[in-house]
Amino acid sequence: MSLRGWIKRLERRAHENLESFELLDGSIYYYDRLETYRELFLHACDLQLGKGEWPEPPEVYRKMCEARDVAEVLERFKPEDPERAFVNLAELYDTDVLVNERRLVPLYHAPVEDLSE
């Protein structure tokens, strides 16, 4: 077996349990679905519990900006039931800007009124 064939076989085996999407430059971005959802959940918690600063988005969000078909990638991450979802990208970032301009623009919500008095 040639060295090239051996390397290709190792690459296939390493990527067989990973999800992927194509980027504008023709390369493929691979991600572990469970690990990515963990990162997205933690990012959403950071946003909701943050102290006014916007944390750096996870790598998969940044790579979405470079995806060949951004709308198709967004569909993969769209929750089945948005009302009950732990993470909903449409509540965190402006998805129209993401699809049309390939930029992550955070959605800001007015602070909740303090009713503790």
PDB file of N, CA and C in Angstrom:
ATOM      1  N   MET A   1       0.852  -1.180   0.000  1.00  0.00           N
ATOM      2  CA  MET A   1       0.000   0.000   0.000  1.00  0.00           C
ATOM      3  C   MET A   1       0.896   1.240   0.000  1.00  0.00           C
ATOM      4  N   SER A   2       0.538   2.176  -0.816  1.00  0.00           N
ATOM      5  CA  SER A   2       1.324   3.404  -0.906  1.00  0.00           C
ATOM      6  C   SER A   2       1.067   4.289   0.308  1.00  0.00           C
ATOM      7  N   LEU A   3       1.988   5.187   0.542  1.00  0.00           N
ATOM      8  CA  LEU A   3       1.854   6.121   1.657  1.00  0.00           C
ATOM      9  C   LEU A   3       0.629   7.009   1.470  1.00  0.00           C
ATOM     10  N   ARG A   4       0.399   7.443   0.245  1.00  0.00           N
ATOM     11  CA  ARG A   4      -0.757   8.294  -0.055  1.00  0.00           C
ATOM     12  C   ARG A   4      -2.075   7.564   0.252  1.00  0.00           C
ATOM     13  N   GLY A   5      -2.192   6.317  -0.146  1.00  0.00           N
ATOM     14  CA  GLY A   5      -3.394   5.521   0.131  1.00  0.00           C
ATOM     15  C   GLY A   5      -3.601   5.308   1.613  1.00  0.00           C
ATOM     16  N   TRP A   6      -2.514   5.081   2.331  1.00  0.00           N
ATOM     17  CA  TRP A   6      -2.583   4.879   3.771  1.00  0.00           C
ATOM     18  C   TRP A   6      -3.075   6.148   4.466  1.00  0.00           C
ATOM     19  N   ILE A   7      -2.565   7.297   4.046  1.00  0.00           N
ATOM     20  CA  ILE A   7      -2.988   8.576   4.629  1.00  0.00           C
ATOM     21  C   ILE A   7      -4.457   8.844   4.327  1.00  0.00           C
ATOM     22  N   LYS A   8      -4.894   8.586   3.090  1.00  0.00           N
ATOM     23  CA  LYS A   8      -6.307   8.786   2.728  1.00  0.00           C
ATOM     24  C   LYS A   8      -7.214   7.907   3.586  1.00  0.00           C
ATOM     25  N   ARG A   9      -6.807   6.650   3.802  1.00  0.00           N
ATOM     26  CA  ARG A   9      -7.613   5.737   4.621  1.00  0.00           C
ATOM     27  C   ARG A   9      -7.709   6.253   6.056  1.00  0.00           C
ATOM     28  N   LEU A  10      -6.607   6.764   6.604  1.00  0.00           N
ATOM     29  CA  LEU A  10      -6.627   7.330   7.955  1.00  0.00           C
ATOM     30  C   LEU A  10      -7.540   8.548   8.027  1.00  0.00           C
ATOM     31  N   GLU A  11      -7.492   9.412   7.012  1.00  0.00           N
ATOM     32  CA  GLU A  11      -8.357  10.590   6.985  1.00  0.00           C
ATOM     33  C   GLU A  11      -9.819  10.195   6.944  1.00  0.00           C
ATOM     34  N   ARG A  12     -10.166   9.213   6.108  1.00  0.00           N
ATOM     35  CA  ARG A  12     -11.567   8.755   6.037  1.00  0.00           C
ATOM     36  C   ARG A  12     -12.035   8.210   7.380  1.00  0.00           C
ATOM     37  N   ARG A  13     -11.193   7.416   8.026  1.00  0.00           N
ATOM     38  CA  ARG A  13     -11.554   6.833   9.309  1.00  0.00           C
ATOM     39  C   ARG A  13     -11.713   7.921  10.375  1.00  0.00           C
ATOM     40  N   ALA A  14     -10.867   8.929  10.337  1.00  0.00           N
ATOM     41  CA  ALA A  14     -10.939  10.009  11.321  1.00  0.00           C
ATOM     42  C   ALA A  14     -12.194  10.856  11.137  1.00  0.00           C
ATOM     43  N   HIS A  15     -12.711  10.934   9.922  1.00  0.00           N
ATOM     44  CA  HIS A  15     -13.861  11.800   9.639  1.00  0.00           C
ATOM     45  C   HIS A  15     -15.191  11.045   9.548  1.00  0.00           C
ATOM     46  N   GLU A  16     -15.193   9.726   9.731  1.00  0.00           N
ATOM     47  CA  GLU A  16     -16.424   8.967   9.495  1.00  0.00           C
ATOM     48  C   GLU A  16     -17.541   9.274  10.485  1.00  0.00           C
ATOM     49  N   ASN A  17     -17.226   9.715  11.691  1.00  0.00           N
ATOM     50  CA  ASN A  17     -18.257  10.031  12.683  1.00  0.00           C
ATOM     51  C   ASN A  17     -18.502  11.523  12.817  1.00  0.00           C
ATOM     52  N   LEU A  18     -17.996  12.292  11.869  1.00  0.00           N
ATOM     53  CA  LEU A  18     -18.126  13.742  11.950  1.00  0.00           C
ATOM     54  C   LEU A  18     -19.101  14.267  10.905  1.00  0.00           C
ATOM     55  N   GLU A  19     -19.739  15.373  11.226  1.00  0.00           N
ATOM     56  CA  GLU A  19     -20.579  16.101  10.275  1.00  0.00           C
ATOM     57  C   GLU A  19     -19.669  17.065   9.525  1.00  0.00           C
ATOM     58  N   SER A  20     -20.127  17.559   8.380  1.00  0.00           N
ATOM     59  CA  SER A  20     -19.288  18.492   7.625  1.00  0.00           C
ATOM     60  C   SER A  20     -20.143  19.365   6.719  1.00  0.00           C
ATOM     61  N   PHE A  21     -19.528  20.452   6.262  1.00  0.00           N
ATOM     62  CA  PHE A  21     -20.116  21.265   5.201  1.00  0.00           C
ATOM     63  C   PHE A  21     -18.982  21.909   4.411  1.00  0.00           C
ATOM     64  N   GLU A  22     -19.311  22.237   3.166  1.00  0.00           N
ATOM     65  CA  GLU A  22     -18.305  22.789   2.265  1.00  0.00           C
ATOM     66  C   GLU A  22     -18.172  24.294   2.462  1.00  0.00           C
ATOM     67  N   LEU A  23     -16.937  24.756   2.400  1.00  0.00           N
ATOM     68  CA  LEU A  23     -16.635  26.183   2.521  1.00  0.00           C
ATOM     69  C   LEU A  23     -16.464  26.805   1.143  1.00  0.00           C
ATOM     70  N   LEU A  24     -16.464  28.118   1.092  1.00  0.00           N
ATOM     71  CA  LEU A  24     -16.333  28.842  -0.180  1.00  0.00           C
ATOM     72  C   LEU A  24     -15.072  28.478  -0.948  1.00  0.00           C
ATOM     73  N   ASP A  25     -13.993  28.207  -0.237  1.00  0.00           N
ATOM     74  CA  ASP A  25     -12.729  27.892  -0.910  1.00  0.00           C
ATOM     75  C   ASP A  25     -12.649  26.447  -1.396  1.00  0.00           C
ATOM     76  N   GLY A  26     -13.742  25.680  -1.211  1.00  0.00           N
ATOM     77  CA  GLY A  26     -13.786  24.296  -1.667  1.00  0.00           C
ATOM     78  C   GLY A  26     -13.347  23.288  -0.621  1.00  0.00           C
ATOM     79  N   SER A  27     -12.787  23.751   0.479  1.00  0.00           N
ATOM     80  CA  SER A  27     -12.389  22.831   1.544  1.00  0.00           C
ATOM     81  C   SER A  27     -13.634  22.397   2.324  1.00  0.00           C
ATOM     82  N   ILE A  28     -13.460  21.390   3.142  1.00  0.00           N
ATOM     83  CA  ILE A  28     -14.549  20.848   3.942  1.00  0.00           C
ATOM     84  C   ILE A  28     -14.266  21.135   5.412  1.00  0.00           C
ATOM     85  N   TYR A  29     -15.268  21.654   6.113  1.00  0.00           N
ATOM     86  CA  TYR A  29     -15.165  21.885   7.546  1.00  0.00           C
ATOM     87  C   TYR A  29     -15.853  20.724   8.251  1.00  0.00           C
ATOM     88  N   TYR A  30     -15.114  20.018   9.110  1.00  0.00           N
ATOM     89  CA  TYR A  30     -15.642  18.886   9.859  1.00  0.00           C
ATOM     90  C   TYR A  30     -15.872  19.300  11.302  1.00  0.00           C
ATOM     91  N   TYR A  31     -16.938  18.771  11.901  1.00  0.00           N
ATOM     92  CA  TYR A  31     -17.213  19.044  13.303  1.00  0.00           C
ATOM     93  C   TYR A  31     -17.898  17.841  13.930  1.00  0.00           C
ATOM     94  N   ASP A  32     -17.628  17.651  15.205  1.00  0.00           N
ATOM     95  CA  ASP A  32     -18.270  16.600  15.987  1.00  0.00           C
ATOM     96  C   ASP A  32     -19.607  17.155  16.463  1.00  0.00           C
ATOM     97  N   ARG A  33     -20.668  16.518  16.095  1.00  0.00           N
ATOM     98  CA  ARG A  33     -22.019  17.027  16.381  1.00  0.00           C
ATOM     99  C   ARG A  33     -22.266  17.237  17.880  1.00  0.00           C
ATOM    100  N   LEU A  34     -21.940  16.250  18.697  1.00  0.00           N
ATOM    101  CA  LEU A  34     -22.200  16.363  20.130  1.00  0.00           C
ATOM    102  C   LEU A  34     -21.317  17.425  20.783  1.00  0.00           C
ATOM    103  N   GLU A  35     -20.059  17.450  20.429  1.00  0.00           N
ATOM    104  CA  GLU A  35     -19.149  18.457  20.981  1.00  0.00           C
ATOM    105  C   GLU A  35     -19.586  19.857  20.569  1.00  0.00           C
ATOM    106  N   THR A  36     -20.009  20.002  19.335  1.00  0.00           N
ATOM    107  CA  THR A  36     -20.452  21.304  18.827  1.00  0.00           C
ATOM    108  C   THR A  36     -21.705  21.768  19.561  1.00  0.00           C
ATOM    109  N   TYR A  37     -22.668  20.877  19.772  1.00  0.00           N
ATOM    110  CA  TYR A  37     -23.872  21.279  20.495  1.00  0.00           C
ATOM    111  C   TYR A  37     -23.547  21.676  21.934  1.00  0.00           C
ATOM    112  N   ARG A  38     -22.570  21.023  22.538  1.00  0.00           N
ATOM    113  CA  ARG A  38     -22.137  21.403  23.886  1.00  0.00           C
ATOM    114  C   ARG A  38     -21.580  22.828  23.864  1.00  0.00           C
ATOM    115  N   GLU A  39     -20.722  23.131  22.887  1.00  0.00           N
ATOM    116  CA  GLU A  39     -20.149  24.468  22.756  1.00  0.00           C
ATOM    117  C   GLU A  39     -21.236  25.517  22.506  1.00  0.00           C
ATOM    118  N   LEU A  40     -22.206  25.186  21.666  1.00  0.00           N
ATOM    119  CA  LEU A  40     -23.279  26.135  21.353  1.00  0.00           C
ATOM    120  C   LEU A  40     -24.150  26.403  22.575  1.00  0.00           C
ATOM    121  N   PHE A  41     -24.420  25.363  23.361  1.00  0.00           N
ATOM    122  CA  PHE A  41     -25.199  25.531  24.579  1.00  0.00           C
ATOM    123  C   PHE A  41     -24.464  26.445  25.565  1.00  0.00           C
ATOM    124  N   LEU A  42     -23.170  26.196  25.753  1.00  0.00           N
ATOM    125  CA  LEU A  42     -22.385  27.028  26.668  1.00  0.00           C
ATOM    126  C   LEU A  42     -22.299  28.464  26.174  1.00  0.00           C
ATOM    127  N   HIS A  43     -22.195  28.645  24.870  1.00  0.00           N
ATOM    128  CA  HIS A  43     -22.161  29.995  24.297  1.00  0.00           C
ATOM    129  C   HIS A  43     -23.485  30.717  24.558  1.00  0.00           C
ATOM    130  N   ALA A  44     -24.599  30.021  24.356  1.00  0.00           N
ATOM    131  CA  ALA A  44     -25.910  30.626  24.609  1.00  0.00           C
ATOM    132  C   ALA A  44     -26.050  31.000  26.085  1.00  0.00           C
ATOM    133  N   CYS A  45     -25.564  30.152  26.982  1.00  0.00           N
ATOM    134  CA  CYS A  45     -25.603  30.477  28.419  1.00  0.00           C
ATOM    135  C   CYS A  45     -24.750  31.694  28.710  1.00  0.00           C
ATOM    136  N   ASP A  46     -23.565  31.750  28.115  1.00  0.00           N
ATOM    137  CA  ASP A  46     -22.693  32.915  28.317  1.00  0.00           C
ATOM    138  C   ASP A  46     -23.379  34.196  27.862  1.00  0.00           C
ATOM    139  N   LEU A  47     -24.089  34.114  26.753  1.00  0.00           N
ATOM    140  CA  LEU A  47     -24.777  35.295  26.242  1.00  0.00           C
ATOM    141  C   LEU A  47     -25.877  35.743  27.182  1.00  0.00           C
ATOM    142  N   GLN A  48     -26.635  34.794  27.693  1.00  0.00           N
ATOM    143  CA  GLN A  48     -27.768  35.140  28.542  1.00  0.00           C
ATOM    144  C   GLN A  48     -27.340  35.551  29.942  1.00  0.00           C
ATOM    145  N   LEU A  49     -26.201  35.044  30.408  1.00  0.00           N
ATOM    146  CA  LEU A  49     -25.736  35.363  31.756  1.00  0.00           C
ATOM    147  C   LEU A  49     -24.603  36.374  31.752  1.00  0.00           C
ATOM    148  N   GLY A  50     -24.222  36.825  30.565  1.00  0.00           N
ATOM    149  CA  GLY A  50     -23.086  37.732  30.439  1.00  0.00           C
ATOM    150  C   GLY A  50     -23.315  39.072  31.091  1.00  0.00           C
ATOM    151  N   LYS A  51     -22.228  39.790  31.217  1.00  0.00           N
ATOM    152  CA  LYS A  51     -22.277  41.094  31.876  1.00  0.00           C
ATOM    153  C   LYS A  51     -22.078  42.211  30.863  1.00  0.00           C
ATOM    154  N   GLY A  52     -22.807  42.170  29.774  1.00  0.00           N
ATOM    155  CA  GLY A  52     -22.769  43.247  28.800  1.00  0.00           C
ATOM    156  C   GLY A  52     -21.772  43.079  27.674  1.00  0.00           C
ATOM    157  N   GLU A  53     -20.869  42.123  27.769  1.00  0.00           N
ATOM    158  CA  GLU A  53     -19.924  41.929  26.671  1.00  0.00           C
ATOM    159  C   GLU A  53     -20.309  40.681  25.889  1.00  0.00           C
ATOM    160  N   TRP A  54     -20.089  40.733  24.594  1.00  0.00           N
ATOM    161  CA  TRP A  54     -20.474  39.643  23.716  1.00  0.00           C
ATOM    162  C   TRP A  54     -19.301  38.685  23.589  1.00  0.00           C
ATOM    163  N   PRO A  55     -19.432  37.435  24.060  1.00  0.00           N
ATOM    164  CA  PRO A  55     -18.317  36.495  23.978  1.00  0.00           C
ATOM    165  C   PRO A  55     -18.018  36.093  22.525  1.00  0.00           C
ATOM    166  N   GLU A  56     -16.815  35.648  22.310  1.00  0.00           N
ATOM    167  CA  GLU A  56     -16.396  35.175  20.993  1.00  0.00           C
ATOM    168  C   GLU A  56     -17.293  33.998  20.586  1.00  0.00           C
ATOM    169  N   PRO A  57     -17.862  34.029  19.372  1.00  0.00           N
ATOM    170  CA  PRO A  57     -18.726  32.922  18.952  1.00  0.00           C
ATOM    171  C   PRO A  57     -17.922  31.645  18.725  1.00  0.00           C
ATOM    172  N   PRO A  58     -18.556  30.496  18.889  1.00  0.00           N
ATOM    173  CA  PRO A  58     -17.880  29.225  18.634  1.00  0.00           C
ATOM    174  C   PRO A  58     -17.393  29.140  17.183  1.00  0.00           C
ATOM    175  N   GLU A  59     -16.412  28.292  16.974  1.00  0.00           N
ATOM    176  CA  GLU A  59     -15.807  28.157  15.648  1.00  0.00           C
ATOM    177  C   GLU A  59     -16.841  27.796  14.581  1.00  0.00           C
ATOM    178  N   VAL A  60     -17.789  26.934  14.904  1.00  0.00           N
ATOM    179  CA  VAL A  60     -18.765  26.523  13.895  1.00  0.00           C
ATOM    180  C   VAL A  60     -19.587  27.712  13.408  1.00  0.00           C
ATOM    181  N   TYR A  61     -19.900  28.677  14.288  1.00  0.00           N
ATOM    182  CA  TYR A  61     -20.618  29.877  13.852  1.00  0.00           C
ATOM    183  C   TYR A  61     -19.755  30.709  12.915  1.00  0.00           C
ATOM    184  N   ARG A  62     -18.472  30.825  13.247  1.00  0.00           N
ATOM    185  CA  ARG A  62     -17.579  31.596  12.375  1.00  0.00           C
ATOM    186  C   ARG A  62     -17.412  30.910  11.021  1.00  0.00           C
ATOM    187  N   LYS A  63     -17.379  29.587  11.025  1.00  0.00           N
ATOM    188  CA  LYS A  63     -17.235  28.846   9.763  1.00  0.00           C
ATOM    189  C   LYS A  63     -18.509  28.916   8.924  1.00  0.00           C
ATOM    190  N   MET A  64     -19.661  29.093   9.571  1.00  0.00           N
ATOM    191  CA  MET A  64     -20.908  29.254   8.818  1.00  0.00           C
ATOM    192  C   MET A  64     -20.817  30.448   7.880  1.00  0.00           C
ATOM    193  N   CYS A  65     -20.126  31.479   8.306  1.00  0.00           N
ATOM    194  CA  CYS A  65     -19.953  32.671   7.462  1.00  0.00           C
ATOM    195  C   CYS A  65     -19.190  32.343   6.185  1.00  0.00           C
ATOM    196  N   GLU A  66     -18.387  31.302   6.228  1.00  0.00           N
ATOM    197  CA  GLU A  66     -17.579  30.898   5.087  1.00  0.00           C
ATOM    198  C   GLU A  66     -18.198  29.747   4.299  1.00  0.00           C
ATOM    199  N   ALA A  67     -19.356  29.259   4.721  1.00  0.00           N
ATOM    200  CA  ALA A  67     -19.980  28.101   4.069  1.00  0.00           C
ATOM    201  C   ALA A  67     -20.418  28.438   2.646  1.00  0.00           C
ATOM    202  N   ARG A  68     -20.316  27.462   1.770  1.00  0.00           N
ATOM    203  CA  ARG A  68     -20.766  27.657   0.388  1.00  0.00           C
ATOM    204  C   ARG A  68     -22.266  27.933   0.367  1.00  0.00           C
ATOM    205  N   ASP A  69     -23.041  27.196   1.166  1.00  0.00           N
ATOM    206  CA  ASP A  69     -24.496  27.388   1.232  1.00  0.00           C
ATOM    207  C   ASP A  69     -24.885  27.629   2.696  1.00  0.00           C
ATOM    208  N   VAL A  70     -24.883  28.878   3.097  1.00  0.00           N
ATOM    209  CA  VAL A  70     -25.144  29.241   4.491  1.00  0.00           C
ATOM    210  C   VAL A  70     -26.547  28.806   4.917  1.00  0.00           C
ATOM    211  N   ALA A  71     -27.531  28.993   4.060  1.00  0.00           N
ATOM    212  CA  ALA A  71     -28.913  28.639   4.408  1.00  0.00           C
ATOM    213  C   ALA A  71     -29.043  27.143   4.699  1.00  0.00           C
ATOM    214  N   GLU A  72     -28.364  26.310   3.939  1.00  0.00           N
ATOM    215  CA  GLU A  72     -28.425  24.861   4.153  1.00  0.00           C
ATOM    216  C   GLU A  72     -27.786  24.498   5.492  1.00  0.00           C
ATOM    217  N   VAL A  73     -26.680  25.134   5.828  1.00  0.00           N
ATOM    218  CA  VAL A  73     -26.020  24.863   7.101  1.00  0.00           C
ATOM    219  C   VAL A  73     -26.903  25.326   8.258  1.00  0.00           C
ATOM    220  N   LEU A  74     -27.559  26.459   8.108  1.00  0.00           N
ATOM    221  CA  LEU A  74     -28.468  26.939   9.151  1.00  0.00           C
ATOM    222  C   LEU A  74     -29.603  25.949   9.399  1.00  0.00           C
ATOM    223  N   GLU A  75     -30.085  25.324   8.342  1.00  0.00           N
ATOM    224  CA  GLU A  75     -31.164  24.327   8.482  1.00  0.00           C
ATOM    225  C   GLU A  75     -30.730  23.180   9.376  1.00  0.00           C
ATOM    226  N   ARG A  76     -29.467  22.788   9.286  1.00  0.00           N
ATOM    227  CA  ARG A  76     -28.955  21.685  10.113  1.00  0.00           C
ATOM    228  C   ARG A  76     -29.023  22.020  11.596  1.00  0.00           C
ATOM    229  N   PHE A  77     -28.837  23.286  11.921  1.00  0.00           N
ATOM    230  CA  PHE A  77     -28.794  23.696  13.315  1.00  0.00           C
ATOM    231  C   PHE A  77     -30.133  24.241  13.808  1.00  0.00           C
ATOM    232  N   LYS A  78     -31.128  24.247  12.956  1.00  0.00           N
ATOM    233  CA  LYS A  78     -32.451  24.741  13.330  1.00  0.00           C
ATOM    234  C   LYS A  78     -33.123  23.713  14.246  1.00  0.00           C
ATOM    235  N   PRO A  79     -33.575  24.135  15.423  1.00  0.00           N
ATOM    236  CA  PRO A  79     -34.217  23.190  16.341  1.00  0.00           C
ATOM    237  C   PRO A  79     -35.591  22.752  15.816  1.00  0.00           C
ATOM    238  N   GLU A  80     -35.958  21.523  16.147  1.00  0.00           N
ATOM    239  CA  GLU A  80     -37.265  21.012  15.736  1.00  0.00           C
ATOM    240  C   GLU A  80     -38.391  21.798  16.399  1.00  0.00           C
ATOM    241  N   ASP A  81     -38.204  22.129  17.659  1.00  0.00           N
ATOM    242  CA  ASP A  81     -39.196  22.898  18.420  1.00  0.00           C
ATOM    243  C   ASP A  81     -38.510  24.131  19.009  1.00  0.00           C
ATOM    244  N   PRO A  82     -38.508  25.252  18.274  1.00  0.00           N
ATOM    245  CA  PRO A  82     -37.790  26.447  18.735  1.00  0.00           C
ATOM    246  C   PRO A  82     -38.223  26.947  20.109  1.00  0.00           C
ATOM    247  N   GLU A  83     -39.478  26.714  20.477  1.00  0.00           N
ATOM    248  CA  GLU A  83     -39.983  27.180  21.776  1.00  0.00           C
ATOM    249  C   GLU A  83     -39.296  26.467  22.940  1.00  0.00           C
ATOM    250  N   ARG A  84     -38.895  25.218  22.730  1.00  0.00           N
ATOM    251  CA  ARG A  84     -38.313  24.416  23.801  1.00  0.00           C
ATOM    252  C   ARG A  84     -36.816  24.173  23.631  1.00  0.00           C
ATOM    253  N   ALA A  85     -36.230  24.716  22.612  1.00  0.00           N
ATOM    254  CA  ALA A  85     -34.822  24.448  22.306  1.00  0.00           C
ATOM    255  C   ALA A  85     -33.902  25.143  23.304  1.00  0.00           C
ATOM    256  N   PHE A  86     -32.836  24.463  23.660  1.00  0.00           N
ATOM    257  CA  PHE A  86     -31.817  25.066  24.517  1.00  0.00           C
ATOM    258  C   PHE A  86     -31.031  26.112  23.741  1.00  0.00           C
ATOM    259  N   VAL A  87     -30.768  25.822  22.471  1.00  0.00           N
ATOM    260  CA  VAL A  87     -29.991  26.727  21.628  1.00  0.00           C
ATOM    261  C   VAL A  87     -30.744  26.953  20.330  1.00  0.00           C
ATOM    262  N   ASN A  88     -31.015  28.216  20.028  1.00  0.00           N
ATOM    263  CA  ASN A  88     -31.662  28.578  18.773  1.00  0.00           C
ATOM    264  C   ASN A  88     -30.868  29.733  18.178  1.00  0.00           C
ATOM    265  N   LEU A  89     -30.159  29.457  17.126  1.00  0.00           N
ATOM    266  CA  LEU A  89     -29.306  30.456  16.489  1.00  0.00           C
ATOM    267  C   LEU A  89     -30.087  31.707  16.108  1.00  0.00           C
ATOM    268  N   ALA A  90     -31.349  31.536  15.706  1.00  0.00           N
ATOM    269  CA  ALA A  90     -32.173  32.674  15.289  1.00  0.00           C
ATOM    270  C   ALA A  90     -32.465  33.633  16.439  1.00  0.00           C
ATOM    271  N   GLU A  91     -32.316  33.199  17.686  1.00  0.00           N
ATOM    272  CA  GLU A  91     -32.515  34.077  18.830  1.00  0.00           C
ATOM    273  C   GLU A  91     -31.227  34.765  19.261  1.00  0.00           C
ATOM    274  N   LEU A  92     -30.095  34.306  18.740  1.00  0.00           N
ATOM    275  CA  LEU A  92     -28.805  34.864  19.127  1.00  0.00           C
ATOM    276  C   LEU A  92     -28.225  35.806  18.084  1.00  0.00           C
ATOM    277  N   TYR A  93     -28.384  35.439  16.809  1.00  0.00           N
ATOM    278  CA  TYR A  93     -27.790  36.202  15.709  1.00  0.00           C
ATOM    279  C   TYR A  93     -28.833  36.485  14.636  1.00  0.00           C
ATOM    280  N   ASP A  94     -28.627  37.559  13.910  1.00  0.00           N
ATOM    281  CA  ASP A  94     -29.505  37.920  12.796  1.00  0.00           C
ATOM    282  C   ASP A  94     -29.215  36.973  11.639  1.00  0.00           C
ATOM    283  N   THR A  95     -30.101  36.017  11.423  1.00  0.00           N
ATOM    284  CA  THR A  95     -29.855  34.997  10.400  1.00  0.00           C
ATOM    285  C   THR A  95     -29.970  35.559   8.981  1.00  0.00           C
ATOM    286  N   ASP A  96     -30.759  36.622   8.773  1.00  0.00           N
ATOM    287  CA  ASP A  96     -30.837  37.236   7.445  1.00  0.00           C
ATOM    288  C   ASP A  96     -29.486  37.837   7.054  1.00  0.00           C
ATOM    289  N   VAL A  97     -28.854  38.504   7.985  1.00  0.00           N
ATOM    290  CA  VAL A  97     -27.527  39.079   7.719  1.00  0.00           C
ATOM    291  C   VAL A  97     -26.514  37.958   7.499  1.00  0.00           C
ATOM    292  N   LEU A  98     -26.623  36.889   8.274  1.00  0.00           N
ATOM    293  CA  LEU A  98     -25.708  35.759   8.115  1.00  0.00           C
ATOM    294  C   LEU A  98     -25.815  35.161   6.719  1.00  0.00           C
ATOM    295  N   VAL A  99     -27.030  34.942   6.243  1.00  0.00           N
ATOM    296  CA  VAL A  99     -27.231  34.343   4.921  1.00  0.00           C
ATOM    297  C   VAL A  99     -26.838  35.306   3.810  1.00  0.00           C
ATOM    298  N   ASN A 100     -27.238  36.562   3.906  1.00  0.00           N
ATOM    299  CA  ASN A 100     -27.036  37.508   2.805  1.00  0.00           C
ATOM    300  C   ASN A 100     -25.669  38.192   2.803  1.00  0.00           C
ATOM    301  N   GLU A 101     -25.121  38.450   3.981  1.00  0.00           N
ATOM    302  CA  GLU A 101     -23.866  39.195   4.057  1.00  0.00           C
ATOM    303  C   GLU A 101     -22.713  38.390   4.648  1.00  0.00           C
ATOM    304  N   ARG A 102     -23.011  37.177   5.124  1.00  0.00           N
ATOM    305  CA  ARG A 102     -21.997  36.294   5.698  1.00  0.00           C
ATOM    306  C   ARG A 102     -21.291  36.920   6.898  1.00  0.00           C
ATOM    307  N   ARG A 103     -22.090  37.567   7.755  1.00  0.00           N
ATOM    308  CA  ARG A 103     -21.571  38.185   8.973  1.00  0.00           C
ATOM    309  C   ARG A 103     -22.413  37.743  10.158  1.00  0.00           C
ATOM    310  N   LEU A 104     -21.766  37.647  11.325  1.00  0.00           N
ATOM    311  CA  LEU A 104     -22.481  37.359  12.563  1.00  0.00           C
ATOM    312  C   LEU A 104     -22.828  38.675  13.235  1.00  0.00           C
ATOM    313  N   VAL A 105     -24.115  38.971  13.282  1.00  0.00           N
ATOM    314  CA  VAL A 105     -24.588  40.198  13.930  1.00  0.00           C
ATOM    315  C   VAL A 105     -25.466  39.774  15.105  1.00  0.00           C
ATOM    316  N   PRO A 106     -24.996  40.052  16.324  1.00  0.00           N
ATOM    317  CA  PRO A 106     -25.772  39.642  17.500  1.00  0.00           C
ATOM    318  C   PRO A 106     -27.087  40.391  17.607  1.00  0.00           C
ATOM    319  N   LEU A 107     -28.077  39.702  18.121  1.00  0.00           N
ATOM    320  CA  LEU A 107     -29.365  40.324  18.412  1.00  0.00           C
ATOM    321  C   LEU A 107     -29.339  40.768  19.871  1.00  0.00           C
ATOM    322  N   TYR A 108     -29.660  42.022  20.088  1.00  0.00           N
ATOM    323  CA  TYR A 108     -29.694  42.548  21.447  1.00  0.00           C
ATOM    324  C   TYR A 108     -31.142  42.662  21.892  1.00  0.00           C
ATOM    325  N   HIS A 109     -31.366  42.266  23.120  1.00  0.00           N
ATOM    326  CA  HIS A 109     -32.697  42.354  23.705  1.00  0.00           C
ATOM    327  C   HIS A 109     -32.643  43.331  24.871  1.00  0.00           C
ATOM    328  N   ALA A 110     -33.718  44.039  25.073  1.00  0.00           N
ATOM    329  CA  ALA A 110     -33.785  44.978  26.188  1.00  0.00           C
ATOM    330  C   ALA A 110     -33.661  44.191  27.494  1.00  0.00           C
ATOM    331  N   PRO A 111     -32.954  44.728  28.475  1.00  0.00           N
ATOM    332  CA  PRO A 111     -32.825  44.033  29.751  1.00  0.00           C
ATOM    333  C   PRO A 111     -34.188  43.860  30.406  1.00  0.00           C
ATOM    334  N   VAL A 112     -34.315  42.775  31.123  1.00  0.00           N
ATOM    335  CA  VAL A 112     -35.561  42.469  31.824  1.00  0.00           C
ATOM    336  C   VAL A 112     -35.689  43.396  33.022  1.00  0.00           C
ATOM    337  N   GLU A 113     -36.885  43.912  33.220  1.00  0.00           N
ATOM    338  CA  GLU A 113     -37.137  44.829  34.325  1.00  0.00           C
ATOM    339  C   GLU A 113     -36.998  44.079  35.663  1.00  0.00           C
ATOM    340  N   ASP A 114     -36.328  44.705  36.608  1.00  0.00           N
ATOM    341  CA  ASP A 114     -36.143  44.116  37.922  1.00  0.00           C
ATOM    342  C   ASP A 114     -37.418  44.311  38.745  1.00  0.00           C
ATOM    343  N   LEU A 115     -38.075  43.233  39.050  1.00  0.00           N
ATOM    344  CA  LEU A 115     -39.342  43.284  39.800  1.00  0.00           C
ATOM    345  C   LEU A 115     -39.162  42.827  41.235  1.00  0.00           C
ATOM    346  N   SER A 116     -37.956  42.807  41.717  1.00  0.00           N
ATOM    347  CA  SER A 116     -37.684  42.263  43.055  1.00  0.00           C
ATOM    348  C   SER A 116     -38.078  43.204  44.184  1.00  0.00           C
ATOM    349  N   GLU A 117     -38.406  44.446  43.915  1.00  0.00           N
ATOM    350  CA  GLU A 117     -38.736  45.389  44.993  1.00  0.00           C
ATOM    351  C   GLU A 117     -40.119  45.207  45.523  1.00  0.00           C
TER     352      GLU A 117
END
